[in-house]
Amino acid sequence: MEITKNSTIGDVLDADRTLAPYFFEMGMHCLGCPSARGETIEEACAVHGVDVDELIAKLNAHEAK
């Protein structure tokens, strides 16, 4: 799965739950709530003041392992 800015958090976590710690690192601790699962990664990064490109790179690097 290629993860992009437009990927929803829910889809990403459904595909690979081991990615959850990357969201926790950015301060997103309620991954199970409906609004968090429906947000795109870009939207979540904007709310939490995180560099979206940096997070996408980390998530895709983890997936490439």
C-alpha atoms as a PDB file:
ATOM      1  CA  MET A   1       0.000   0.000   0.000  1.00  0.00           C
ATOM      2  CA  GLU A   2       1.382   3.397  -0.929  1.00  0.00           C
ATOM      3  CA  ILE A   3       0.472   5.957   1.696  1.00  0.00           C
ATOM      4  CA  THR A   4      -0.228   9.497   0.500  1.00  0.00           C
ATOM      5  CA  LYS A   5      -1.405  12.773   2.013  1.00  0.00           C
ATOM      6  CA  ASN A   6      -4.921  11.867   0.910  1.00  0.00           C
ATOM      7  CA  SER A   7      -4.945   8.446   2.568  1.00  0.00           C
ATOM      8  CA  THR A   8      -7.361   8.294   5.466  1.00  0.00           C
ATOM      9  CA  ILE A   9      -5.995   7.340   8.840  1.00  0.00           C
ATOM     10  CA  GLY A  10      -8.604   4.596   9.112  1.00  0.00           C
ATOM     11  CA  ASP A  11      -7.550   2.986   5.831  1.00  0.00           C
ATOM     12  CA  VAL A  12      -3.876   3.166   6.776  1.00  0.00           C
ATOM     13  CA  LEU A  13      -4.439   1.575  10.177  1.00  0.00           C
ATOM     14  CA  ASP A  14      -6.761  -1.074   8.751  1.00  0.00           C
ATOM     15  CA  ALA A  15      -3.973  -2.053   6.353  1.00  0.00           C
ATOM     16  CA  ASP A  16      -1.228  -2.032   8.998  1.00  0.00           C
ATOM     17  CA  ARG A  17      -1.912  -1.461  12.688  1.00  0.00           C
ATOM     18  CA  THR A  18       1.827  -1.326  13.414  1.00  0.00           C
ATOM     19  CA  LEU A  19       1.785   2.230  12.011  1.00  0.00           C
ATOM     20  CA  ALA A  20      -0.199   3.531  15.014  1.00  0.00           C
ATOM     21  CA  PRO A  21       2.911   4.661  16.971  1.00  0.00           C
ATOM     22  CA  TYR A  22       3.722   7.187  14.240  1.00  0.00           C
ATOM     23  CA  PHE A  23       0.353   8.833  14.816  1.00  0.00           C
ATOM     24  CA  PHE A  24       0.846   8.731  18.591  1.00  0.00           C
ATOM     25  CA  GLU A  25       4.221  10.486  18.116  1.00  0.00           C
ATOM     26  CA  MET A  26       2.460  13.403  16.441  1.00  0.00           C
ATOM     27  CA  GLY A  27       0.025  13.753  19.342  1.00  0.00           C
ATOM     28  CA  MET A  28      -2.907  11.916  17.802  1.00  0.00           C
ATOM     29  CA  HIS A  29      -3.954   9.634  20.622  1.00  0.00           C
ATOM     30  CA  CYS A  30      -7.601   8.874  19.857  1.00  0.00           C
ATOM     31  CA  LEU A  31      -7.138   6.820  16.701  1.00  0.00           C
ATOM     32  CA  GLY A  32     -10.347   4.891  17.266  1.00  0.00           C
ATOM     33  CA  CYS A  33     -12.705   7.857  17.247  1.00  0.00           C
ATOM     34  CA  PRO A  34     -14.788   8.211  14.078  1.00  0.00           C
ATOM     35  CA  SER A  35     -13.515  11.649  13.109  1.00  0.00           C
ATOM     36  CA  ALA A  36      -9.865  10.660  13.486  1.00  0.00           C
ATOM     37  CA  ARG A  37     -10.329   7.530  11.400  1.00  0.00           C
ATOM     38  CA  GLY A  38     -12.020   9.521   8.647  1.00  0.00           C
ATOM     39  CA  GLU A  39      -9.425  12.294   8.472  1.00  0.00           C
ATOM     40  CA  THR A  40      -6.794  12.322   5.790  1.00  0.00           C
ATOM     41  CA  ILE A  41      -3.203  12.293   6.944  1.00  0.00           C
ATOM     42  CA  GLU A  42      -2.826  15.804   5.578  1.00  0.00           C
ATOM     43  CA  GLU A  43      -5.787  17.065   7.638  1.00  0.00           C
ATOM     44  CA  ALA A  44      -4.464  15.437  10.813  1.00  0.00           C
ATOM     45  CA  CYS A  45      -1.005  16.918  10.286  1.00  0.00           C
ATOM     46  CA  ALA A  46      -2.478  20.388   9.807  1.00  0.00           C
ATOM     47  CA  VAL A  47      -4.415  20.128  13.077  1.00  0.00           C
ATOM     48  CA  HIS A  48      -1.426  18.794  15.013  1.00  0.00           C
ATOM     49  CA  GLY A  49       1.240  21.043  13.464  1.00  0.00           C
ATOM     50  CA  VAL A  50       3.187  18.167  11.929  1.00  0.00           C
ATOM     51  CA  ASP A  51       5.090  18.187   8.631  1.00  0.00           C
ATOM     52  CA  VAL A  52       2.951  15.958   6.424  1.00  0.00           C
ATOM     53  CA  ASP A  53       5.795  15.078   4.059  1.00  0.00           C
ATOM     54  CA  GLU A  54       7.960  13.930   6.954  1.00  0.00           C
ATOM     55  CA  LEU A  55       5.196  11.731   8.354  1.00  0.00           C
ATOM     56  CA  ILE A  56       4.396  10.231   4.932  1.00  0.00           C
ATOM     57  CA  ALA A  57       8.084   9.411   4.480  1.00  0.00           C
ATOM     58  CA  LYS A  58       8.203   7.652   7.860  1.00  0.00           C
ATOM     59  CA  LEU A  59       5.039   5.667   7.173  1.00  0.00           C
ATOM     60  CA  ASN A  60       6.182   4.549   3.726  1.00  0.00           C
ATOM     61  CA  ALA A  61       9.666   3.681   5.026  1.00  0.00           C
ATOM     62  CA  HIS A  62       8.050   1.482   7.677  1.00  0.00           C
ATOM     63  CA  GLU A  63       5.886  -0.176   5.032  1.00  0.00           C
ATOM     64  CA  ALA A  64       8.926  -0.851   2.834  1.00  0.00           C
ATOM     65  CA  LYS A  65      10.591  -2.961   5.560  1.00  0.00           C
END
